[in-house]
Amino acid sequence: MWDEISKQAERAADRQILDLFDNDNRAAEFSLNAVGMLFDYSKTQLDEQARAALIKLAQDAGVEARREQMFSGAKINETEDRAVLHTALRNLDGGPVHVDGQDVMPEVLATLDKMTTLARDVRASDVTDVVNIGIGGSDLGPKMAAIALSPYHDGPRCHFVSNVDGADISDVLRACDPEKTVFIVASKTFTTIETMTNARTAKAWLEDKGASLDGKFIALSSNKAKAAEFGIPEDRVLGFEDWVGGRYSVWGPIGLSLMIAIGPDAFRAFLRGAQEMDNHFRSAAPHQNMPVLLALVGIWHNQGLGHATRAVLPYDNRLSRLPAYLQQLEMESNGKGVSMDGKDLTVSSGPVVWGEPGTNGQHAFYQLIHQGTRVVPCEFLVAAEGFEPELRHHHALLMANCFAQSEALMRGRSLEEATKIMAAKGLVGPELDRQARHRVFPGNRPSTTLIYPQLTPEVLGKIVALYEHRVFVEGVILGINSYDQWGVELGKELATALGPMVTGEKPTDGKDGSTAQLIAYVQRHTG
C-alpha cells in the first residue's frame, strides 16, 4: 500500500514549496482551524494529490475502525492483551466504557475524586514542597505539564526526581524542609528500581532529620501490598489499571503532583481540553481531523520523503520539556521493528524526535537545520498571547522569530541574492564568490506551525492529546503496536545482573572484555 506514497514522493522530489503558494488559497487549503487552534501545514511539499494518497493510506490501514476499537475498550495492545484507555481518564461527561464487559467509568471518576480529596488536603496543610518520585511517563508527563502551567501554580512547590544518579534527589532535598515536604512515589508495580531506590533515600532522609514519617508519602501504584510494606496506608494509595500506559498516564493518578500545584479545578480544565480533542479526533472527517493530518504530515516526511528526524520547536518557554515528553511518547511508542503479526517492517518506523524552545535553539542547532546537508522537518508551536501583559513587546518579538524561521526554511537564499549582498559590502572576484557561497540557504525545507490562543490548562490538554492521537494514527498506518515497549526490558535485565559486579560482590566472569574493563576501572577508582 506504500507504492502510491513512493510515487507521490518521486513527484515531489524537485517541487519547490514556495511555488505552491502561486495558488492564492494555498494557506487556507493546507491548514485546519479546529478546537480553537490553527494547524498550518502549507509550508510542506504536500499537494492535493499527495494529501489524497495519504488519506487513502490511512483509510486502507483501517485507522477509523481501529480508533473506535480503542475508544470502546477493545484490547488493541495485542502483545500484552490489554485495552488502551487513557482517553477514559478524561471522559468526564461521556458514556460508559467497557473492558471485559465491565464499565470502567465509575472507578475512573471515583479515583479522580480521591485525587481531588488528597490534593485539597495537601494544599490546605502547611506543606511547602511536594516531591514526585518516578521515571519515564511517571515523571516526564507531570513535570512537563507542571512547568507549562506555572502561571496557574497556587499550591506547594513541586519538584521531580527521576534519575537514579544520587545528584538528582540530593539537589532536590537540599531545598526542602523535612517537616513540610510530602513525597509522591509513582510506580505501577512499586518495584521500579530507580523509583524505589530514590523513595528509600527520601525515607532515610526524613529519618535522619528526625522528621515524622506520618503522612509524608503518597503512592501512585496498583501494588497496594508493596506500598503497605513501605509504610504507606491504603487511603494514601491511588491505583490505576493496566490499560493506562506509563507515557499516557498524566491524566490520572500520575498527574497528582500537577493537581496539587494548580488545583483540582485547573486540573479538570486540563482534562476537558484533552476530552475536546478526543471528541474532535473521533468525529471529524480525515481531511478536517487535526490528529490525522498531523500524523499524515509525519508519515509524508519520514516514510515518504525519507527524512529521519523531526524537530519540535515550541516558541513558548514554558513548553521547555515538551520535546523531551514527545521523545518518549513517539519514540517509545513507534520505535518498533516488527508489525503486529511479528514480521519485519517494510518501511522505516518512527523518526528521531528532538528539539528545544525558541529562541534559544536559534543560537544552537538552527545552523544545521538551515544549511546542513540533511533536511529536518520542523514543527513550530506558539501562543498568540503570553501571560505577561507588561512584556507584550517580548511576545511580539517571540512570534516574529517563530514566523521568520518557518519562512526562512521555506524561502532560503539563492547564490544570486547572496552575491548581491556581499558585492554591496565591496567584495569582488573570487573572494566575492567564496563569501557568497557561505551565505546561501538551500530553502525548500518543510515545517508546520500549531498556533493557539494562550497556554491555559485546557489548551495544554488539547496539545498533549493531539500528539497522543498522532502517535496512534502513525502506528496504525505502520501496522505496529504503539502501546508496548519491549525495547526497554533488555537493558533493565542486564543492569540487574551487573549491579553486584559493579560493587565487587560477584566476578565479571562471562562478560565481554569491554564491559569487564569498564567495571575494573570503577573498582580501581572507588576501592
Protein backbone atom coordinates (compact mmCIF):
# COMPACT_ATOMS: atom_id res chain seq x y z
CA MET A 1 0.00 0.00 0.00
CA TRP A 2 3.07 2.20 0.09
CA ASP A 3 3.57 2.22 -3.71
CA GLU A 4 1.39 5.28 -4.25
CA ILE A 5 3.18 7.20 -1.48
CA SER A 6 6.51 6.39 -3.15
CA LYS A 7 5.16 7.69 -6.46
CA GLN A 8 3.98 10.89 -4.83
CA ALA A 9 7.35 11.32 -3.15
CA GLU A 10 9.09 10.97 -6.51
CA ARG A 11 6.79 13.64 -7.96
CA ALA A 12 7.66 15.94 -5.04
CA ALA A 13 11.42 15.41 -5.20
CA ASP A 14 12.12 18.66 -7.07
CA ARG A 15 8.99 20.52 -6.02
CA GLN A 16 9.58 23.95 -4.53
CA ILE A 17 7.34 24.70 -1.57
CA LEU A 18 7.37 28.39 -2.38
CA ASP A 19 5.99 27.70 -5.86
CA LEU A 20 2.94 26.04 -4.32
CA PHE A 21 1.95 29.46 -2.96
CA ASP A 22 1.27 30.62 -6.53
CA ASN A 23 -2.18 29.35 -5.59
CA ASP A 24 -3.61 32.21 -3.51
CA ASN A 25 -5.65 29.72 -1.44
CA ARG A 26 -2.67 27.54 -0.54
CA ALA A 27 -2.51 28.63 3.10
CA ALA A 28 -6.22 28.14 3.69
CA GLU A 29 -6.41 24.83 1.83
CA PHE A 30 -3.47 23.33 3.70
CA SER A 31 -4.35 24.37 7.22
CA LEU A 32 -7.05 23.48 9.70
CA ASN A 33 -8.78 25.63 12.29
CA ALA A 34 -10.35 23.38 14.91
CA VAL A 35 -10.85 23.16 18.69
CA GLY A 36 -9.66 26.76 18.99
CA MET A 37 -6.24 26.11 17.42
CA LEU A 38 -4.79 26.61 13.94
CA PHE A 39 -2.63 23.90 12.38
CA ASP A 40 -0.80 25.22 9.31
CA TYR A 41 0.93 22.61 7.16
CA SER A 42 1.08 24.69 3.97
CA LYS A 43 4.89 25.06 4.18
CA THR A 44 5.42 21.44 3.13
CA GLN A 45 5.79 19.76 -0.25
CA LEU A 46 2.33 18.26 0.01
CA ASP A 47 -0.09 18.98 -2.81
CA GLU A 48 -3.71 17.86 -3.19
CA GLN A 49 -2.75 14.63 -4.93
CA ALA A 50 -0.22 13.61 -2.28
CA ARG A 51 -2.60 14.51 0.55
CA ALA A 52 -5.35 12.41 -1.06
CA ALA A 53 -2.95 9.47 -1.33
CA LEU A 54 -2.05 9.79 2.34
CA ILE A 55 -5.70 9.94 3.40
CA LYS A 56 -6.36 6.80 1.36
CA LEU A 57 -3.35 5.18 3.03
CA ALA A 58 -4.91 5.86 6.43
CA GLN A 59 -8.28 4.55 5.30
CA ASP A 60 -6.77 1.38 3.82
CA ALA A 61 -4.87 0.80 7.08
CA GLY A 62 -8.17 0.86 8.98
CA VAL A 63 -7.50 3.91 11.14
CA GLU A 64 -11.19 4.68 11.69
CA ALA A 65 -12.10 1.14 12.76
CA ARG A 66 -9.04 0.87 14.98
CA ARG A 67 -9.86 4.24 16.54
CA GLU A 68 -13.32 3.02 17.53
CA GLN A 69 -11.82 -0.14 18.97
CA MET A 70 -9.51 1.94 21.14
CA PHE A 71 -12.20 4.26 22.46
CA SER A 72 -14.58 1.36 23.11
CA GLY A 73 -12.10 -0.64 25.22
CA ALA A 74 -11.02 -3.35 22.78
CA LYS A 75 -7.64 -4.89 23.56
CA ILE A 76 -5.66 -3.23 20.79
CA ASN A 77 -2.40 -3.72 22.75
CA GLU A 78 -2.27 -7.24 21.43
CA THR A 79 1.21 -8.26 22.61
CA GLU A 80 0.15 -7.63 26.21
CA ASP A 81 -3.55 -8.44 25.76
CA ARG A 82 -4.63 -5.05 27.12
CA ALA A 83 -7.04 -2.30 26.25
CA VAL A 84 -5.67 1.21 25.61
CA LEU A 85 -7.90 3.61 27.53
CA HIS A 86 -6.04 6.70 28.66
CA THR A 87 -8.91 8.52 26.95
CA ALA A 88 -11.25 7.16 29.65
CA LEU A 89 -9.32 9.14 32.27
CA ARG A 90 -10.60 12.39 30.72
CA ASN A 91 -14.06 11.11 29.77
CA LEU A 92 -15.61 13.48 32.32
CA ASP A 93 -19.10 13.56 30.87
CA GLY A 94 -19.04 10.77 28.34
CA GLY A 95 -20.86 7.47 28.36
CA PRO A 96 -19.78 4.13 29.76
CA VAL A 97 -16.56 2.47 28.60
CA HIS A 98 -16.36 -1.30 28.89
CA VAL A 99 -13.39 -3.60 29.37
CA ASP A 100 -14.19 -7.31 29.56
CA GLY A 101 -17.86 -6.38 29.93
CA GLN A 102 -17.25 -4.07 32.91
CA ASP A 103 -17.89 -0.31 32.77
CA VAL A 104 -14.66 1.30 33.97
CA MET A 105 -16.00 4.84 34.30
CA PRO A 106 -17.35 4.62 37.87
CA GLU A 107 -13.89 3.63 39.12
CA VAL A 108 -12.19 6.27 36.96
CA LEU A 109 -14.38 9.03 38.40
CA ALA A 110 -14.04 7.68 41.94
CA THR A 111 -10.24 7.77 41.58
CA LEU A 112 -10.44 11.35 40.30
CA ASP A 113 -12.50 12.25 43.37
CA LYS A 114 -9.91 10.59 45.63
CA MET A 115 -7.15 12.52 43.89
CA THR A 116 -9.12 15.72 44.46
CA THR A 117 -9.52 14.99 48.17
CA LEU A 118 -5.82 14.21 48.60
CA ALA A 119 -4.78 17.30 46.63
CA ARG A 120 -7.05 19.57 48.66
CA ASP A 121 -5.77 18.11 51.92
CA VAL A 122 -2.15 18.76 50.92
CA ARG A 123 -2.94 22.24 49.61
CA ALA A 124 -4.76 23.13 52.83
CA SER A 125 -1.91 21.92 55.06
CA ASP A 126 1.39 23.57 55.94
CA VAL A 127 3.19 21.53 53.26
CA THR A 128 5.54 23.76 51.28
CA ASP A 129 7.11 21.20 48.93
CA VAL A 130 5.90 18.13 47.05
CA VAL A 131 8.46 15.78 45.51
CA ASN A 132 7.25 13.46 42.75
CA ILE A 133 9.49 10.38 42.53
CA GLY A 134 9.04 8.45 39.30
CA ILE A 135 10.68 7.79 35.96
CA GLY A 136 9.61 7.72 32.32
CA GLY A 137 5.94 8.53 31.98
CA SER A 138 5.63 8.83 35.75
CA ASP A 139 7.99 11.80 35.57
CA LEU A 140 8.00 13.31 32.08
CA GLY A 141 4.25 13.94 31.86
CA PRO A 142 3.59 15.69 35.17
CA LYS A 143 6.93 17.52 35.04
CA MET A 144 6.28 18.84 31.53
CA ALA A 145 2.76 19.92 32.45
CA ALA A 146 3.77 21.49 35.77
CA ILE A 147 6.35 23.67 34.04
CA ALA A 148 3.93 24.51 31.22
CA LEU A 149 1.22 25.64 33.64
CA SER A 150 3.41 27.53 36.08
CA PRO A 151 1.22 30.70 35.83
CA TYR A 152 -1.53 28.63 37.49
CA HIS A 153 0.55 27.41 40.44
CA ASP A 154 -1.06 28.40 43.71
CA GLY A 155 -0.13 25.36 45.79
CA PRO A 156 3.10 23.94 47.23
CA ARG A 157 6.27 23.96 45.18
CA CYS A 158 6.59 20.84 43.03
CA HIS A 159 9.87 19.03 42.43
CA PHE A 160 10.56 15.98 40.28
CA VAL A 161 13.12 13.26 40.89
CA SER A 162 13.65 10.55 38.30
CA ASN A 163 17.31 9.74 37.76
CA VAL A 164 18.93 7.06 39.90
CA ASP A 165 22.01 9.31 39.89
CA GLY A 166 22.16 10.44 43.52
CA ALA A 167 22.75 14.01 42.38
CA ASP A 168 19.11 14.28 41.30
CA ILE A 169 17.48 13.60 44.66
CA SER A 170 20.30 15.24 46.59
CA ASP A 171 19.83 18.56 44.79
CA VAL A 172 16.06 18.48 45.36
CA LEU A 173 16.22 17.56 49.05
CA ARG A 174 18.68 20.35 49.73
CA ALA A 175 15.89 22.85 49.04
CA CYS A 176 13.23 21.11 51.17
CA ASP A 177 12.16 21.24 54.81
CA PRO A 178 11.70 17.64 56.06
CA GLU A 179 8.82 18.69 58.29
CA LYS A 180 6.92 20.31 55.40
CA THR A 181 7.64 18.01 52.47
CA VAL A 182 5.41 15.31 51.00
CA PHE A 183 6.70 12.62 48.64
CA ILE A 184 4.67 11.06 45.85
CA VAL A 185 6.09 7.68 44.81
CA ALA A 186 4.87 6.86 41.30
CA SER A 187 5.41 3.27 40.21
CA LYS A 188 2.65 0.99 38.94
CA THR A 189 4.35 -2.13 40.31
CA PHE A 190 6.13 -0.38 43.20
CA THR A 191 9.24 -2.26 42.13
CA THR A 192 10.78 0.10 39.53
CA ILE A 193 14.42 0.09 40.61
CA GLU A 194 15.19 3.77 40.02
CA THR A 195 11.98 4.96 41.66
CA MET A 196 12.21 2.69 44.69
CA THR A 197 15.90 3.50 45.22
CA ASN A 198 15.03 7.20 45.32
CA ALA A 199 11.99 6.54 47.54
CA ARG A 200 14.10 4.69 50.08
CA THR A 201 16.63 7.53 50.03
CA ALA A 202 13.82 10.02 50.71
CA LYS A 203 12.60 7.90 53.61
CA ALA A 204 16.11 7.65 55.05
CA TRP A 205 16.49 11.44 54.71
CA LEU A 206 13.36 12.04 56.77
CA GLU A 207 14.52 9.60 59.42
CA ASP A 208 17.99 11.11 59.51
CA LYS A 209 16.46 14.57 60.01
CA GLY A 210 14.26 13.29 62.85
CA ALA A 211 11.06 14.05 60.95
CA SER A 212 7.90 12.03 61.40
CA LEU A 213 7.02 9.71 58.52
CA ASP A 214 3.31 10.07 59.21
CA GLY A 215 1.51 11.43 56.17
CA LYS A 216 4.77 12.08 54.31
CA PHE A 217 4.24 9.58 51.49
CA ILE A 218 1.58 9.02 48.84
CA ALA A 219 1.81 6.03 46.50
CA LEU A 220 0.63 6.01 42.90
CA SER A 221 0.62 2.28 42.35
CA SER A 222 -1.51 -0.74 41.67
CA ASN A 223 0.51 -2.78 44.15
CA LYS A 224 -1.10 -1.90 47.48
CA ALA A 225 0.73 -4.70 49.27
CA LYS A 226 4.16 -3.36 48.31
CA ALA A 227 3.09 0.18 49.22
CA ALA A 228 1.95 -1.10 52.63
CA GLU A 229 5.33 -2.80 53.13
CA PHE A 230 6.92 0.58 52.52
CA GLY A 231 4.68 2.08 55.19
CA ILE A 232 2.06 3.86 53.06
CA PRO A 233 -1.53 3.24 54.26
CA GLU A 234 -4.20 2.24 51.77
CA ASP A 235 -6.04 5.56 52.00
CA ARG A 236 -2.92 7.24 50.59
CA VAL A 237 -2.55 4.84 47.65
CA LEU A 238 -4.01 5.68 44.25
CA GLY A 239 -4.10 2.78 41.81
CA PHE A 240 -4.52 2.62 38.07
CA GLU A 241 -5.32 -0.15 35.65
CA ASP A 242 -3.07 -1.93 33.17
CA TRP A 243 -4.93 -0.27 30.30
CA VAL A 244 -3.15 3.01 31.09
CA GLY A 245 0.39 3.03 29.72
CA GLY A 246 3.03 5.00 31.60
CA ARG A 247 3.62 7.56 28.86
CA TYR A 248 -0.14 8.14 28.62
CA SER A 249 -0.78 8.39 32.34
CA VAL A 250 -0.62 12.10 33.22
CA TRP A 251 -4.43 12.28 33.06
CA GLY A 252 -4.93 10.05 36.10
CA PRO A 253 -3.18 9.50 39.45
CA ILE A 254 0.24 10.16 37.90
CA GLY A 255 -0.98 13.75 37.49
CA LEU A 256 -1.49 14.20 41.26
CA SER A 257 1.57 16.45 41.62
CA LEU A 258 0.18 18.67 38.86
CA MET A 259 -3.23 18.78 40.56
CA ILE A 260 -1.60 19.79 43.85
CA ALA A 261 0.33 22.56 42.09
CA ILE A 262 -2.51 24.10 40.05
CA GLY A 263 -5.57 22.94 41.98
CA PRO A 264 -8.36 20.46 41.13
CA ASP A 265 -10.38 22.94 39.04
CA ALA A 266 -7.48 23.78 36.73
CA PHE A 267 -6.60 20.08 36.52
CA ARG A 268 -10.13 19.27 35.38
CA ALA A 269 -9.82 22.02 32.75
CA PHE A 270 -6.68 20.20 31.56
CA LEU A 271 -8.74 17.00 31.25
CA ARG A 272 -11.57 18.79 29.47
CA GLY A 273 -9.18 20.17 26.88
CA ALA A 274 -7.98 16.66 26.13
CA GLN A 275 -11.58 15.41 26.03
CA GLU A 276 -12.41 18.08 23.45
CA MET A 277 -9.54 16.86 21.28
CA ASP A 278 -10.75 13.27 21.76
CA ASN A 279 -14.21 14.21 20.53
CA HIS A 280 -12.77 16.05 17.53
CA PHE A 281 -10.48 13.13 16.66
CA ARG A 282 -13.33 10.68 16.93
CA SER A 283 -15.85 12.62 14.83
CA ALA A 284 -14.06 14.78 12.25
CA ALA A 285 -13.53 13.60 8.67
CA PRO A 286 -9.89 12.79 7.82
CA HIS A 287 -9.25 15.97 5.81
CA GLN A 288 -10.63 18.05 8.73
CA ASN A 289 -9.13 15.99 11.53
CA MET A 290 -6.14 17.60 13.25
CA PRO A 291 -4.51 14.46 14.70
CA VAL A 292 -4.96 12.63 11.40
CA LEU A 293 -3.43 15.47 9.39
CA LEU A 294 -0.53 15.87 11.83
CA ALA A 295 0.14 12.13 11.53
CA LEU A 296 -0.08 12.16 7.74
CA VAL A 297 2.40 15.02 7.53
CA GLY A 298 4.72 12.96 9.73
CA ILE A 299 4.29 9.88 7.52
CA TRP A 300 4.90 12.00 4.42
CA HIS A 301 8.15 13.41 5.76
CA ASN A 302 9.55 10.21 7.28
CA GLN A 303 8.33 7.20 5.32
CA GLY A 304 7.53 9.18 2.17
CA LEU A 305 10.44 11.58 1.70
CA GLY A 306 12.91 9.72 3.93
CA HIS A 307 13.62 12.45 6.48
CA ALA A 308 14.77 10.51 9.54
CA THR A 309 14.35 13.17 12.24
CA ARG A 310 11.67 15.57 13.42
CA ALA A 311 12.38 18.77 15.36
CA VAL A 312 9.74 20.00 17.80
CA LEU A 313 10.29 23.73 18.37
CA PRO A 314 7.95 25.37 20.88
CA TYR A 315 8.20 29.16 20.87
CA ASP A 316 6.80 29.03 24.36
CA ASN A 317 9.43 28.83 27.08
CA ARG A 318 7.06 27.06 29.46
CA LEU A 319 6.89 24.17 26.98
CA SER A 320 10.61 23.60 27.51
CA ARG A 321 10.04 19.94 28.41
CA LEU A 322 7.57 19.21 25.61
CA PRO A 323 10.25 17.94 23.18
CA ALA A 324 11.54 15.52 25.85
CA TYR A 325 7.99 14.42 26.63
CA LEU A 326 7.32 13.79 22.94
CA GLN A 327 10.59 11.90 22.59
CA GLN A 328 9.21 9.26 24.91
CA LEU A 329 5.65 9.43 23.62
CA GLU A 330 6.64 8.97 19.99
CA MET A 331 9.90 7.03 20.10
CA GLU A 332 8.88 4.53 22.77
CA SER A 333 5.51 4.06 21.07
CA ASN A 334 6.53 3.79 17.43
CA GLY A 335 10.19 2.81 17.64
CA LYS A 336 9.44 -0.75 16.60
CA GLY A 337 10.93 -3.09 14.01
CA VAL A 338 8.13 -5.62 13.53
CA SER A 339 4.47 -5.33 12.65
CA MET A 340 1.56 -6.69 14.69
CA ASP A 341 1.93 -10.10 13.03
CA GLY A 342 5.61 -10.30 14.05
CA LYS A 343 7.00 -9.70 10.56
CA ASP A 344 9.75 -7.20 9.81
CA LEU A 345 8.57 -3.75 8.80
CA THR A 346 8.97 -2.96 5.12
CA VAL A 347 9.29 0.79 5.79
CA SER A 348 11.09 2.89 8.37
CA SER A 349 9.47 3.12 11.80
CA GLY A 350 9.12 6.33 13.79
CA PRO A 351 11.59 9.21 13.36
CA VAL A 352 14.07 10.56 15.88
CA VAL A 353 12.23 13.31 17.77
CA TRP A 354 14.17 16.16 19.34
CA GLY A 355 14.06 19.90 19.92
CA GLU A 356 14.37 22.89 22.22
CA PRO A 357 12.37 26.05 22.79
CA GLY A 358 12.83 29.07 20.55
CA THR A 359 14.51 31.43 20.51
CA ASN A 360 17.28 29.54 22.35
CA GLY A 361 17.53 26.91 19.64
CA GLN A 362 18.19 29.59 17.03
CA HIS A 363 21.58 30.15 18.64
CA ALA A 364 22.34 26.44 18.83
CA PHE A 365 21.21 23.93 16.20
CA TYR A 366 19.28 26.05 13.69
CA GLN A 367 22.52 26.37 11.73
CA LEU A 368 22.22 22.69 10.83
CA ILE A 369 18.51 22.99 10.11
CA HIS A 370 19.06 25.85 7.65
CA GLN A 371 22.33 24.93 5.96
CA GLY A 372 23.12 21.34 6.89
CA THR A 373 23.14 18.55 4.34
CA ARG A 374 20.14 16.70 5.82
CA VAL A 375 16.59 18.01 5.77
CA VAL A 376 14.97 18.21 9.21
CA PRO A 377 11.19 18.79 9.13
CA CYS A 378 10.29 21.26 11.86
CA GLU A 379 7.16 21.58 13.97
CA PHE A 380 6.69 25.03 15.46
CA LEU A 381 4.29 25.77 18.33
CA VAL A 382 3.43 29.26 19.55
CA ALA A 383 0.74 31.05 21.56
CA ALA A 384 -0.94 34.17 20.22
CA GLU A 385 -0.77 35.67 23.69
CA GLY A 386 1.53 35.31 26.68
CA PHE A 387 0.90 35.74 30.41
CA GLU A 388 2.97 38.88 30.91
CA PRO A 389 0.91 41.85 29.66
CA GLU A 390 3.61 44.25 30.78
CA LEU A 391 6.02 42.46 28.41
CA ARG A 392 3.92 42.35 25.25
CA HIS A 393 6.90 43.54 23.22
CA HIS A 394 8.73 40.35 24.26
CA HIS A 395 5.91 38.19 22.97
CA ALA A 396 5.64 40.13 19.72
CA LEU A 397 9.36 39.56 19.13
CA LEU A 398 8.97 35.88 20.01
CA MET A 399 6.18 35.40 17.46
CA ALA A 400 8.11 37.35 14.81
CA ASN A 401 11.07 35.00 15.28
CA CYS A 402 8.84 31.91 15.06
CA PHE A 403 7.18 33.03 11.84
CA ALA A 404 10.50 34.22 10.38
CA GLN A 405 12.14 30.84 10.94
CA SER A 406 9.45 28.88 9.11
CA GLU A 407 9.54 31.40 6.26
CA ALA A 408 13.35 31.29 6.07
CA LEU A 409 13.36 27.49 5.99
CA MET A 410 10.95 27.55 3.06
CA ARG A 411 12.32 30.56 1.16
CA GLY A 412 16.07 30.18 1.65
CA ARG A 413 18.54 32.49 -0.10
CA SER A 414 19.94 31.91 -3.58
CA LEU A 415 23.55 32.36 -4.67
CA GLU A 416 22.46 35.33 -6.74
CA GLU A 417 20.90 37.01 -3.71
CA ALA A 418 23.92 36.26 -1.55
CA THR A 419 26.26 37.61 -4.22
CA LYS A 420 24.38 40.91 -4.35
CA ILE A 421 24.60 41.24 -0.56
CA MET A 422 28.34 40.65 -0.50
CA ALA A 423 29.01 42.83 -3.53
CA ALA A 424 27.30 45.67 -1.67
CA LYS A 425 29.93 45.18 1.02
CA GLY A 426 32.67 45.81 -1.55
CA LEU A 427 33.80 42.27 -2.32
CA VAL A 428 34.81 41.35 -5.89
CA GLY A 429 36.21 38.44 -7.86
CA PRO A 430 36.91 35.01 -6.35
CA GLU A 431 36.54 36.31 -2.80
CA LEU A 432 33.06 37.61 -3.63
CA ASP A 433 32.05 34.17 -4.90
CA ARG A 434 33.61 32.37 -1.94
CA GLN A 435 31.98 34.54 0.68
CA ALA A 436 28.62 34.48 -1.12
CA ARG A 437 28.51 30.68 -1.16
CA HIS A 438 28.81 30.60 2.64
CA ARG A 439 25.66 32.70 2.81
CA VAL A 440 23.47 30.56 0.58
CA PHE A 441 20.45 28.93 2.25
CA PRO A 442 19.05 25.98 0.25
CA GLY A 443 15.49 26.64 1.46
CA ASN A 444 12.66 24.32 0.48
CA ARG A 445 12.77 22.87 3.99
CA PRO A 446 9.37 21.87 5.36
CA SER A 447 7.70 22.97 8.57
CA THR A 448 4.33 23.06 10.25
CA THR A 449 3.02 25.56 12.79
CA LEU A 450 0.50 25.00 15.56
CA ILE A 451 -0.79 28.28 16.97
CA TYR A 452 -3.16 28.54 19.93
CA PRO A 453 -4.66 31.44 21.92
CA GLN A 454 -2.73 31.02 25.19
CA LEU A 455 -1.14 28.14 27.11
CA THR A 456 -4.02 27.52 29.52
CA PRO A 457 -4.70 24.15 31.18
CA GLU A 458 -7.39 23.47 28.60
CA VAL A 459 -5.10 24.27 25.68
CA LEU A 460 -2.27 22.15 27.09
CA GLY A 461 -4.71 19.25 27.36
CA LYS A 462 -5.60 19.68 23.68
CA ILE A 463 -1.95 19.79 22.61
CA VAL A 464 -0.93 16.65 24.52
CA ALA A 465 -3.99 14.71 23.32
CA LEU A 466 -3.28 15.87 19.76
CA TYR A 467 0.17 14.31 19.86
CA GLU A 468 -1.12 11.14 21.55
CA HIS A 469 -3.59 10.60 18.73
CA ARG A 470 -0.93 11.43 16.15
CA VAL A 471 1.13 8.55 17.55
CA PHE A 472 -1.92 6.27 17.33
CA VAL A 473 -2.61 7.11 13.68
CA GLU A 474 1.01 6.71 12.62
CA GLY A 475 1.19 3.40 14.46
CA VAL A 476 -1.91 2.02 12.77
CA ILE A 477 -0.62 3.06 9.35
CA LEU A 478 2.71 1.37 10.07
CA GLY A 479 0.88 -1.70 11.34
CA ILE A 480 2.68 -1.77 14.68
CA ASN A 481 1.68 -1.89 18.34
CA SER A 482 2.25 1.60 19.73
CA TYR A 483 1.46 0.54 23.30
CA ASP A 484 4.14 -1.92 24.34
CA GLN A 485 7.81 -1.16 24.99
CA TRP A 486 9.80 -4.35 24.99
CA GLY A 487 12.89 -2.43 23.94
CA VAL A 488 13.14 -1.08 27.49
CA GLU A 489 13.41 -4.52 29.07
CA LEU A 490 16.76 -5.94 27.95
CA GLY A 491 18.82 -3.10 29.45
CA LYS A 492 16.93 -3.46 32.75
CA GLU A 493 17.67 -7.18 32.89
CA LEU A 494 21.37 -6.68 32.21
CA ALA A 495 21.60 -3.83 34.75
CA THR A 496 20.16 -6.07 37.46
CA ALA A 497 22.80 -8.70 36.74
CA LEU A 498 25.62 -6.14 36.52
CA GLY A 499 24.83 -4.43 39.83
CA PRO A 500 26.66 -6.97 42.05
CA MET A 501 29.58 -7.00 39.59
CA VAL A 502 30.00 -3.22 39.82
CA THR A 503 30.07 -3.37 43.63
CA GLY A 504 32.51 -6.28 43.58
CA GLU A 505 30.15 -8.80 45.15
CA LYS A 506 30.40 -11.03 42.09
CA PRO A 507 33.14 -11.60 39.49
CA THR A 508 32.73 -10.42 35.91
CA ASP A 509 33.06 -13.97 34.57
CA GLY A 510 31.31 -14.37 31.25
CA LYS A 511 31.17 -10.66 30.46
CA ASP A 512 32.68 -9.25 27.28
CA GLY A 513 36.09 -7.62 27.53
CA SER A 514 34.74 -4.08 27.19
CA THR A 515 32.19 -4.41 29.98
CA ALA A 516 34.70 -6.13 32.28
CA GLN A 517 37.23 -3.37 31.59
CA LEU A 518 34.74 -0.64 32.46
CA ILE A 519 33.84 -2.35 35.74
CA ALA A 520 37.53 -2.81 36.58
CA TYR A 521 38.13 0.91 36.07
CA VAL A 522 35.33 1.77 38.51
CA GLN A 523 36.65 -0.64 41.12
CA ARG A 524 40.19 0.74 40.85
CA HIS A 525 38.95 4.27 41.44
CA THR A 526 36.46 3.51 44.20
CA GLY A 527 38.30 0.85 46.15
